């Protein structure tokens, strides 16, 4: 259930999951994406592993680099649903078509 996922997965981990998912979906390598948004590759790795606690400014920079709004990286209920589907091996493409 989604609410259970939110209780057991930190917001930082959900942010990390969504950042990684969107970066990979858009075909950016860690190095190229880090350069594009003006951060070190090491910091990007920390963001994507849930080790870093990003500021609002950093969330805005990363979102802009991904072409999404900051709210898209912070919609934790939606992200938890997507992560639950991802963890079970179900893709949105398989569900919709």
Foldseek 3Di string as FASTA:
>chain_A
DLVVLPVVADLLQLLLVVLVVLCVVVPHDLCRLCVVLVHHSVVNVCSNRSNDDDDPVVLQSSCVSSVHGSVVSRVSSVSSVCVVCVVVVHDPVVVPD
